[in-house]
N, C-alpha and C. Protein backbone atom coordinates (compact mmCIF):
# COMPACT_ATOMS: atom_id res chain seq x y z
N MET A 1 4.35 19.06 0.19
CA MET A 1 4.84 20.22 0.89
C MET A 1 3.87 20.43 1.85
N ARG A 2 4.91 20.88 2.84
CA ARG A 2 4.30 20.71 4.02
C ARG A 2 4.76 22.52 4.63
N GLY A 3 3.70 22.84 5.78
CA GLY A 3 3.88 23.83 6.36
C GLY A 3 3.01 24.22 7.11
N ASN A 4 3.10 25.45 7.96
CA ASN A 4 1.76 25.60 8.82
C ASN A 4 0.11 26.35 7.68
N SER A 5 -0.53 26.54 8.76
CA SER A 5 -1.57 26.98 7.53
C SER A 5 -1.40 28.58 7.47
N GLY A 6 -1.87 28.83 6.14
CA GLY A 6 -1.63 30.19 5.53
C GLY A 6 -0.57 30.08 4.95
N SER A 7 0.67 29.04 4.82
CA SER A 7 2.16 29.40 4.25
C SER A 7 1.92 29.44 2.83
N GLY A 8 0.62 29.17 2.20
CA GLY A 8 1.05 29.13 0.65
C GLY A 8 1.01 27.95 0.05
N LYS A 9 0.99 26.71 0.93
CA LYS A 9 1.27 25.34 0.27
C LYS A 9 0.06 24.48 -0.46
N THR A 10 -1.12 25.22 0.15
CA THR A 10 -2.12 24.48 -0.93
C THR A 10 -2.06 25.55 -2.28
N THR A 11 -2.40 26.59 -2.24
CA THR A 11 -2.14 27.46 -3.48
C THR A 11 -1.19 27.10 -4.28
N THR A 12 -0.27 26.63 -3.53
CA THR A 12 0.89 26.45 -4.35
C THR A 12 0.84 24.62 -5.31
N ALA A 13 0.11 24.28 -4.19
CA ALA A 13 -0.34 22.74 -4.83
C ALA A 13 -0.95 22.70 -5.83
N LYS A 14 -2.47 23.51 -5.60
CA LYS A 14 -3.41 24.01 -6.79
C LYS A 14 -2.93 24.11 -7.87
N SER A 15 -1.75 25.28 -7.75
CA SER A 15 -1.24 25.67 -9.16
C SER A 15 -0.25 24.86 -9.91
N LEU A 16 0.53 23.92 -9.24
CA LEU A 16 1.36 23.05 -9.68
C LEU A 16 0.63 21.78 -10.40
N LYS A 17 -0.46 21.25 -9.71
CA LYS A 17 -1.38 20.41 -10.08
C LYS A 17 -1.73 21.15 -11.37
N GLU A 18 -2.03 22.24 -11.55
CA GLU A 18 -2.47 22.82 -13.12
C GLU A 18 -1.65 22.79 -14.02
N PHE A 19 -0.72 22.98 -13.49
CA PHE A 19 0.53 23.04 -14.33
C PHE A 19 0.87 21.73 -14.79
N LEU A 20 0.68 21.04 -14.01
CA LEU A 20 1.33 19.45 -14.46
C LEU A 20 0.38 18.69 -15.15
N SER A 21 -1.10 19.16 -15.04
CA SER A 21 -2.23 17.99 -15.62
C SER A 21 -1.89 17.56 -17.06
N PRO A 22 -2.67 16.79 -17.11
CA PRO A 22 -3.79 16.26 -16.79
C PRO A 22 -3.60 15.33 -15.36
N ARG A 23 -2.58 14.12 -15.78
CA ARG A 23 -2.23 13.09 -14.65
C ARG A 23 -1.85 13.04 -13.61
N VAL A 24 -2.55 13.85 -12.74
CA VAL A 24 -2.12 14.42 -11.47
C VAL A 24 -3.09 14.52 -10.40
N LEU A 25 -2.48 13.60 -9.35
CA LEU A 25 -3.40 13.49 -8.02
C LEU A 25 -2.78 14.53 -7.15
N LEU A 26 -3.79 15.07 -6.28
CA LEU A 26 -3.45 15.81 -5.53
C LEU A 26 -4.39 15.36 -4.27
N LEU A 27 -3.41 15.14 -2.86
CA LEU A 27 -3.40 14.88 -1.55
C LEU A 27 -3.56 15.84 -0.71
N SER A 28 -4.56 16.26 -0.14
CA SER A 28 -4.76 17.67 0.27
C SER A 28 -5.31 16.73 2.28
N GLN A 29 -4.15 16.86 3.13
CA GLN A 29 -4.42 16.41 4.73
C GLN A 29 -5.77 17.00 5.02
N ASP A 30 -6.12 18.10 4.87
CA ASP A 30 -7.32 18.45 5.32
C ASP A 30 -8.39 17.69 4.69
N VAL A 31 -8.27 17.44 3.52
CA VAL A 31 -9.31 16.93 2.79
C VAL A 31 -9.67 15.23 3.63
N LEU A 32 -8.29 14.53 3.69
CA LEU A 32 -8.15 13.24 4.02
C LEU A 32 -8.67 12.88 5.69
N ARG A 33 -7.96 14.09 6.08
CA ARG A 33 -8.16 13.82 7.68
C ARG A 33 -9.10 14.37 8.58
N LYS A 34 -9.23 15.28 8.01
CA LYS A 34 -10.44 16.08 8.33
C LYS A 34 -12.04 15.90 7.89
N GLN A 35 -12.02 15.99 6.87
CA GLN A 35 -13.00 15.99 6.11
C GLN A 35 -13.57 14.45 5.97
N MET A 36 -12.76 13.46 5.11
CA MET A 36 -13.21 12.44 4.85
C MET A 36 -13.37 11.43 6.08
N LEU A 37 -12.48 11.71 7.12
CA LEU A 37 -12.05 10.61 8.23
C LEU A 37 -12.32 11.51 9.32
N ALA A 38 -12.53 12.51 9.72
CA ALA A 38 -12.87 13.36 10.88
C ALA A 38 -11.75 12.79 11.87
N GLU A 39 -10.54 12.80 11.69
CA GLU A 39 -9.63 12.19 12.56
C GLU A 39 -8.99 13.19 13.29
N PRO A 40 -8.70 12.91 14.83
CA PRO A 40 -7.81 13.38 15.35
C PRO A 40 -6.32 13.66 15.14
N ASP A 41 -5.28 14.36 14.95
CA ASP A 41 -4.29 14.72 14.51
C ASP A 41 -3.05 14.10 15.31
N HIS A 42 -3.07 12.76 15.59
CA HIS A 42 -2.11 12.23 16.65
C HIS A 42 -1.47 11.20 15.72
N ILE A 43 -0.34 10.64 16.60
CA ILE A 43 0.21 9.63 15.83
C ILE A 43 -0.33 7.99 15.75
N GLY A 44 -0.07 7.81 14.55
CA GLY A 44 -1.45 6.45 14.23
C GLY A 44 -2.46 6.66 13.57
N ASN A 45 -3.08 8.18 13.49
CA ASN A 45 -4.03 8.17 13.05
C ASN A 45 -4.51 7.23 11.72
N MET A 46 -5.78 7.38 11.35
CA MET A 46 -6.02 6.71 10.36
C MET A 46 -5.65 7.18 9.04
N SER A 47 -5.91 8.58 9.01
CA SER A 47 -5.51 9.26 7.36
C SER A 47 -4.31 8.82 6.96
N ILE A 48 -3.09 8.63 7.80
CA ILE A 48 -2.07 7.73 7.10
C ILE A 48 -1.81 6.82 6.59
N GLY A 49 -3.04 5.47 6.84
CA GLY A 49 -3.31 4.80 6.24
C GLY A 49 -4.00 4.70 4.79
N LEU A 50 -4.73 5.73 4.95
CA LEU A 50 -5.49 6.22 4.06
C LEU A 50 -4.30 7.06 2.44
N PHE A 51 -3.57 7.79 3.15
CA PHE A 51 -2.82 8.39 2.41
C PHE A 51 -1.98 7.24 1.60
N LYS A 52 -1.29 6.20 2.32
CA LYS A 52 -0.54 5.03 1.84
C LYS A 52 -1.44 4.73 0.35
N ASN A 53 -2.78 4.14 0.93
CA ASN A 53 -3.48 3.49 -0.21
C ASN A 53 -3.52 3.99 -1.27
N ILE A 54 -4.23 5.53 -1.10
CA ILE A 54 -4.29 6.35 -2.43
C ILE A 54 -2.91 6.85 -3.01
N ILE A 55 -2.02 6.87 -2.35
CA ILE A 55 -0.65 6.44 -3.09
C ILE A 55 -0.23 5.60 -3.60
N ASN A 56 -0.40 4.53 -3.20
CA ASN A 56 -0.19 3.07 -3.89
C ASN A 56 -1.10 3.13 -5.38
N TRP A 57 -1.90 3.63 -5.17
CA TRP A 57 -3.27 3.47 -6.32
C TRP A 57 -2.71 4.61 -7.44
N GLY A 58 -2.48 5.93 -6.71
CA GLY A 58 -1.76 6.78 -7.42
C GLY A 58 -0.42 7.01 -8.50
N THR A 59 0.30 6.19 -7.98
CA THR A 59 1.76 5.62 -8.55
C THR A 59 1.76 4.48 -9.80
N VAL A 60 0.48 4.12 -9.90
CA VAL A 60 0.15 3.26 -11.05
C VAL A 60 -0.84 3.73 -11.84
N ASN A 61 -1.32 5.19 -11.49
CA ASN A 61 -2.56 5.42 -12.34
C ASN A 61 -1.81 6.88 -12.54
N THR A 62 -1.14 7.58 -12.17
CA THR A 62 -0.96 8.92 -12.46
C THR A 62 0.42 9.37 -12.84
N ASP A 63 1.12 10.29 -13.35
CA ASP A 63 2.05 10.80 -13.42
C ASP A 63 2.70 11.47 -12.25
N TYR A 64 1.80 12.45 -11.82
CA TYR A 64 2.48 12.95 -10.43
C TYR A 64 1.32 13.21 -9.29
N ILE A 65 2.00 12.60 -7.93
CA ILE A 65 1.30 12.90 -6.82
C ILE A 65 1.87 14.24 -6.21
N ILE A 66 0.79 14.94 -5.63
CA ILE A 66 1.31 16.16 -4.54
C ILE A 66 0.50 15.80 -3.54
N ILE A 67 1.45 16.13 -2.24
CA ILE A 67 1.02 15.83 -1.24
C ILE A 67 1.09 17.17 -0.27
N GLU A 68 0.21 17.54 0.21
CA GLU A 68 0.21 19.13 0.85
C GLU A 68 -0.53 19.17 2.10
N GLY A 69 0.32 19.68 3.06
CA GLY A 69 -0.75 19.76 4.34
C GLY A 69 0.30 20.41 5.57
N ILE A 70 -0.32 20.52 6.76
CA ILE A 70 0.72 20.80 7.58
C ILE A 70 1.56 19.65 8.31
N LEU A 71 0.93 18.58 8.03
CA LEU A 71 1.81 17.31 8.34
C LEU A 71 3.17 17.42 9.27
N LYS A 72 2.87 17.45 10.17
CA LYS A 72 3.58 18.00 11.40
C LYS A 72 4.46 16.96 11.69
N ARG A 73 5.93 17.27 11.99
CA ARG A 73 7.12 16.00 12.26
C ARG A 73 6.43 15.32 13.47
N SER A 74 6.05 15.67 14.30
CA SER A 74 5.56 15.01 15.61
C SER A 74 4.73 13.65 15.34
N VAL A 75 4.12 13.89 14.44
CA VAL A 75 2.90 13.03 14.05
C VAL A 75 3.41 12.09 12.43
N TYR A 76 3.73 12.82 11.70
CA TYR A 76 3.85 12.33 10.32
C TYR A 76 5.23 11.83 9.92
N GLN A 77 6.39 12.13 10.61
CA GLN A 77 7.55 11.91 10.35
C GLN A 77 7.95 10.47 9.65
N SER A 78 7.62 9.46 10.64
CA SER A 78 7.87 8.10 10.25
C SER A 78 7.12 7.80 8.91
N PHE A 79 6.49 8.30 8.65
CA PHE A 79 5.42 8.32 7.55
C PHE A 79 6.04 8.66 6.06
N LEU A 80 6.52 9.99 6.33
CA LEU A 80 7.16 10.80 5.19
C LEU A 80 8.27 10.40 5.15
N GLU A 81 9.42 9.68 6.31
CA GLU A 81 10.77 8.87 6.21
C GLU A 81 10.55 7.78 5.05
N ALA A 82 9.43 7.06 5.68
CA ALA A 82 9.10 5.66 5.06
C ALA A 82 8.84 5.90 3.12
N LEU A 83 7.93 6.81 2.91
CA LEU A 83 7.91 7.38 1.49
C LEU A 83 9.16 7.96 1.11
N LYS A 84 10.12 8.58 1.23
CA LYS A 84 11.39 9.08 0.84
C LYS A 84 12.26 7.40 0.85
N GLN A 85 12.33 6.86 1.47
CA GLN A 85 13.01 5.56 1.54
C GLN A 85 12.74 4.78 0.18
N GLU A 86 10.90 4.82 0.11
CA GLU A 86 10.44 3.62 -0.84
C GLU A 86 10.46 4.95 -2.35
N TYR A 87 10.33 5.77 -2.27
CA TYR A 87 10.49 6.40 -3.57
C TYR A 87 11.95 7.19 -4.03
N GLY A 88 12.71 7.51 -3.03
CA GLY A 88 13.89 8.16 -3.30
C GLY A 88 13.88 9.28 -3.57
N PRO A 89 14.66 9.50 -5.09
CA PRO A 89 15.03 11.13 -5.56
C PRO A 89 13.49 11.43 -6.04
N LYS A 90 12.72 10.24 -6.12
CA LYS A 90 11.27 10.72 -7.14
C LYS A 90 10.17 11.48 -6.39
N LEU A 91 10.60 11.18 -4.74
CA LEU A 91 10.08 11.91 -3.70
C LEU A 91 10.74 13.50 -3.58
N LEU A 92 9.91 14.42 -3.81
CA LEU A 92 10.47 16.27 -3.69
C LEU A 92 9.96 16.27 -2.29
N ASN A 93 10.48 16.85 -1.57
CA ASN A 93 10.24 17.52 -0.18
C ASN A 93 10.15 19.28 -0.21
N PHE A 94 9.09 19.70 -0.25
CA PHE A 94 9.18 21.33 0.04
C PHE A 94 8.97 21.96 1.22
N TYR A 95 9.32 22.63 2.03
CA TYR A 95 8.76 22.81 3.55
C TYR A 95 8.76 24.70 3.48
N PHE A 96 7.31 24.84 3.59
CA PHE A 96 7.16 26.48 3.65
C PHE A 96 7.39 27.02 5.02
N ASN A 97 8.81 27.61 4.82
CA ASN A 97 8.88 28.41 6.54
C ASN A 97 8.44 29.76 6.54
N ILE A 98 7.27 29.83 6.89
CA ILE A 98 6.67 31.37 6.76
C ILE A 98 6.44 31.59 8.07
N SER A 99 7.05 33.21 8.24
CA SER A 99 6.62 33.82 9.46
C SER A 99 5.14 34.08 10.27
N PHE A 100 5.04 33.51 11.36
CA PHE A 100 3.85 33.49 12.02
C PHE A 100 3.14 34.82 11.98
N LYS A 101 3.66 36.13 11.60
CA LYS A 101 3.10 37.19 11.31
C LYS A 101 2.73 37.39 9.99
N GLU A 102 3.45 36.66 8.80
CA GLU A 102 2.77 36.74 7.73
C GLU A 102 1.67 35.51 7.32
N THR A 103 1.79 34.80 8.05
CA THR A 103 0.61 33.36 8.28
C THR A 103 -0.66 34.35 8.74
N VAL A 104 -0.46 34.87 9.50
CA VAL A 104 -1.60 35.76 9.96
C VAL A 104 -2.28 36.72 8.90
N THR A 105 -1.53 37.25 8.16
CA THR A 105 -1.72 37.99 7.20
C THR A 105 -2.66 37.36 5.77
N ARG A 106 -1.79 36.04 5.47
CA ARG A 106 -2.20 35.44 4.60
C ARG A 106 -3.53 34.75 5.01
N ASN A 107 -3.65 34.28 6.09
CA ASN A 107 -5.08 33.59 6.73
C ASN A 107 -6.02 34.71 6.49
N ASN A 108 -5.86 36.07 6.51
CA ASN A 108 -6.90 36.96 6.83
C ASN A 108 -7.13 37.40 5.35
N LEU A 109 -6.81 36.79 4.51
CA LEU A 109 -6.94 37.17 3.17
C LEU A 109 -8.24 36.10 2.75
N LYS A 110 -8.26 35.14 3.55
CA LYS A 110 -9.19 33.80 3.10
C LYS A 110 -10.59 34.15 3.04
N ALA A 111 -11.49 33.47 2.76
CA ALA A 111 -13.25 33.58 2.69
C ALA A 111 -13.32 33.50 3.96
N LEU A 112 -12.75 32.35 5.02
CA LEU A 112 -13.48 32.17 6.11
C LEU A 112 -12.10 31.99 7.09
N PRO A 113 -11.33 32.97 7.40
CA PRO A 113 -10.03 32.92 7.96
C PRO A 113 -10.00 32.21 9.18
N PHE A 114 -9.08 31.84 9.95
CA PHE A 114 -9.12 31.22 11.26
C PHE A 114 -8.76 32.37 12.53
N SER A 115 -9.18 31.95 13.60
CA SER A 115 -9.01 33.01 14.73
C SER A 115 -7.29 33.14 14.60
N GLU A 116 -6.76 33.87 15.06
CA GLU A 116 -5.19 34.03 15.44
C GLU A 116 -4.86 33.17 16.56
N GLN A 117 -6.08 32.73 17.47
CA GLN A 117 -5.47 31.83 18.75
C GLN A 117 -5.86 30.51 17.96
N ILE A 118 -6.23 30.45 16.96
CA ILE A 118 -6.37 28.75 16.66
C ILE A 118 -5.22 28.67 15.66
N LEU A 119 -4.81 29.85 15.09
CA LEU A 119 -3.48 29.50 13.97
C LEU A 119 -2.14 29.43 15.10
N THR A 120 -2.55 29.82 16.34
CA THR A 120 -1.61 30.00 17.57
C THR A 120 -1.40 28.48 17.96
N GLN A 121 -2.41 28.17 18.27
CA GLN A 121 -2.41 26.38 18.60
C GLN A 121 -1.54 24.99 17.28
N TRP A 122 -2.21 25.75 16.13
CA TRP A 122 -1.54 25.04 15.12
C TRP A 122 -0.30 25.11 14.60
N TRP A 123 0.58 26.33 15.33
CA TRP A 123 1.26 26.72 15.08
C TRP A 123 2.74 25.35 15.04
N GLN A 124 3.58 25.29 13.92
CA GLN A 124 4.41 24.40 14.05
C GLN A 124 5.81 25.35 13.88
N ASN A 125 6.46 25.81 15.02
CA ASN A 125 7.81 26.47 14.60
C ASN A 125 8.94 25.65 13.95
N GLU A 126 9.44 26.25 12.89
CA GLU A 126 10.55 25.20 12.11
C GLU A 126 10.35 24.05 12.05
N ASP A 127 9.39 23.52 11.54
CA ASP A 127 9.18 22.02 11.42
C ASP A 127 9.70 21.08 10.51
N LEU A 128 10.86 21.73 10.50
CA LEU A 128 11.84 20.88 9.20
C LEU A 128 11.98 19.32 9.34
N LEU A 129 11.79 18.38 8.49
CA LEU A 129 12.42 16.80 8.49
C LEU A 129 14.08 17.09 8.21
N GLY A 130 14.57 17.59 7.84
CA GLY A 130 16.17 17.73 7.37
C GLY A 130 16.67 17.11 6.47
N ASN A 131 15.55 16.96 5.34
CA ASN A 131 15.59 16.35 3.89
C ASN A 131 14.77 17.21 3.01
N GLU A 132 14.61 18.29 3.21
CA GLU A 132 14.16 19.17 2.23
C GLU A 132 14.80 19.51 0.99
N ASP A 133 14.33 19.14 -0.09
CA ASP A 133 14.86 20.14 -1.43
C ASP A 133 14.95 21.57 -1.53
N ALA A 134 13.88 21.76 -0.88
CA ALA A 134 13.83 23.36 -0.80
C ALA A 134 12.76 24.03 0.16
N VAL A 135 13.21 25.19 0.64
CA VAL A 135 12.35 25.68 1.75
C VAL A 135 11.95 27.22 1.47
N PHE A 136 10.54 27.49 1.73
CA PHE A 136 10.59 28.28 1.00
C PHE A 136 9.95 29.61 2.04
N THR A 137 10.30 30.97 1.97
CA THR A 137 9.98 31.63 3.15
C THR A 137 9.18 32.89 2.64
N ASP A 138 9.21 34.10 3.67
CA ASP A 138 8.00 35.14 3.00
C ASP A 138 8.39 35.60 2.22
N ASP A 139 9.49 35.48 1.40
CA ASP A 139 10.31 36.26 0.36
C ASP A 139 9.85 35.72 -1.10
N GLU A 140 9.00 34.60 -1.09
CA GLU A 140 9.35 34.08 -2.58
C GLU A 140 7.57 34.17 -2.91
N THR A 141 7.33 34.74 -3.90
CA THR A 141 6.24 34.61 -4.79
C THR A 141 5.84 33.20 -5.47
N LEU A 142 4.45 33.40 -5.28
CA LEU A 142 3.92 32.14 -6.16
C LEU A 142 4.59 31.49 -7.26
N GLU A 143 4.97 32.63 -8.18
CA GLU A 143 5.70 32.18 -9.51
C GLU A 143 7.20 31.58 -8.93
N GLU A 144 7.87 32.61 -8.03
CA GLU A 144 9.04 32.00 -7.81
C GLU A 144 9.16 30.54 -7.25
N ARG A 145 8.03 30.19 -6.17
CA ARG A 145 8.08 29.07 -6.17
C ARG A 145 7.62 28.04 -7.18
N LEU A 146 6.86 28.39 -8.04
CA LEU A 146 6.70 27.22 -8.65
C LEU A 146 7.99 27.42 -9.78
N THR A 147 8.57 28.27 -10.06
CA THR A 147 9.71 27.93 -10.84
C THR A 147 10.83 26.68 -10.10
N THR A 148 11.08 27.50 -8.80
CA THR A 148 11.78 26.22 -8.18
C THR A 148 11.57 25.04 -8.17
N ILE A 149 10.20 24.95 -7.99
CA ILE A 149 9.69 23.29 -8.18
C ILE A 149 10.12 22.50 -9.31
N GLU A 150 9.42 23.27 -10.28
CA GLU A 150 9.75 22.91 -11.72
C GLU A 150 10.89 22.56 -12.14
N GLY A 151 12.05 23.15 -11.44
CA GLY A 151 13.79 22.98 -11.51
C GLY A 151 13.78 21.61 -11.04
N TYR A 152 13.08 21.20 -10.04
CA TYR A 152 13.53 19.76 -9.67
C TYR A 152 12.89 19.26 -10.24
N LEU A 153 11.73 19.28 -10.88
CA LEU A 153 11.12 18.06 -12.03
C LEU A 153 12.15 17.64 -13.21
N ASN A 154 12.65 18.66 -13.56
CA ASN A 154 13.25 19.03 -15.05
C ASN A 154 14.95 18.12 -14.97
């Protein structure tokens, strides 16, 4: 699940994890890159290797792996394409193409919202990879997104 900050990907990922439990691994880019490694977001950053190692463990020990984050194309495209090559149709790719205006609105609902200036710096407009299974917009509710994803799982 990829998309800008405030697009709904983390909420969707957490809800999907709860729905699919118990054997589900949720990997958040923010946790791996920022909290665990304090690694800058650039090509070749160490979080990519950590993602790979945890995914390898997860394929043996869990039924589902959910990856969520901004995961901008300019940094993560090679990694994400390699995952698609390795896992083929078992890997589903969902992009949250939410407008900047809606992103700001959703961000302001957070307990600790980011400034609009920070959101602007992070903004990745239409950062699609081209192999998305579904693209979500401002129009879908959480329930509609989950129903769409569940349809791909069945």
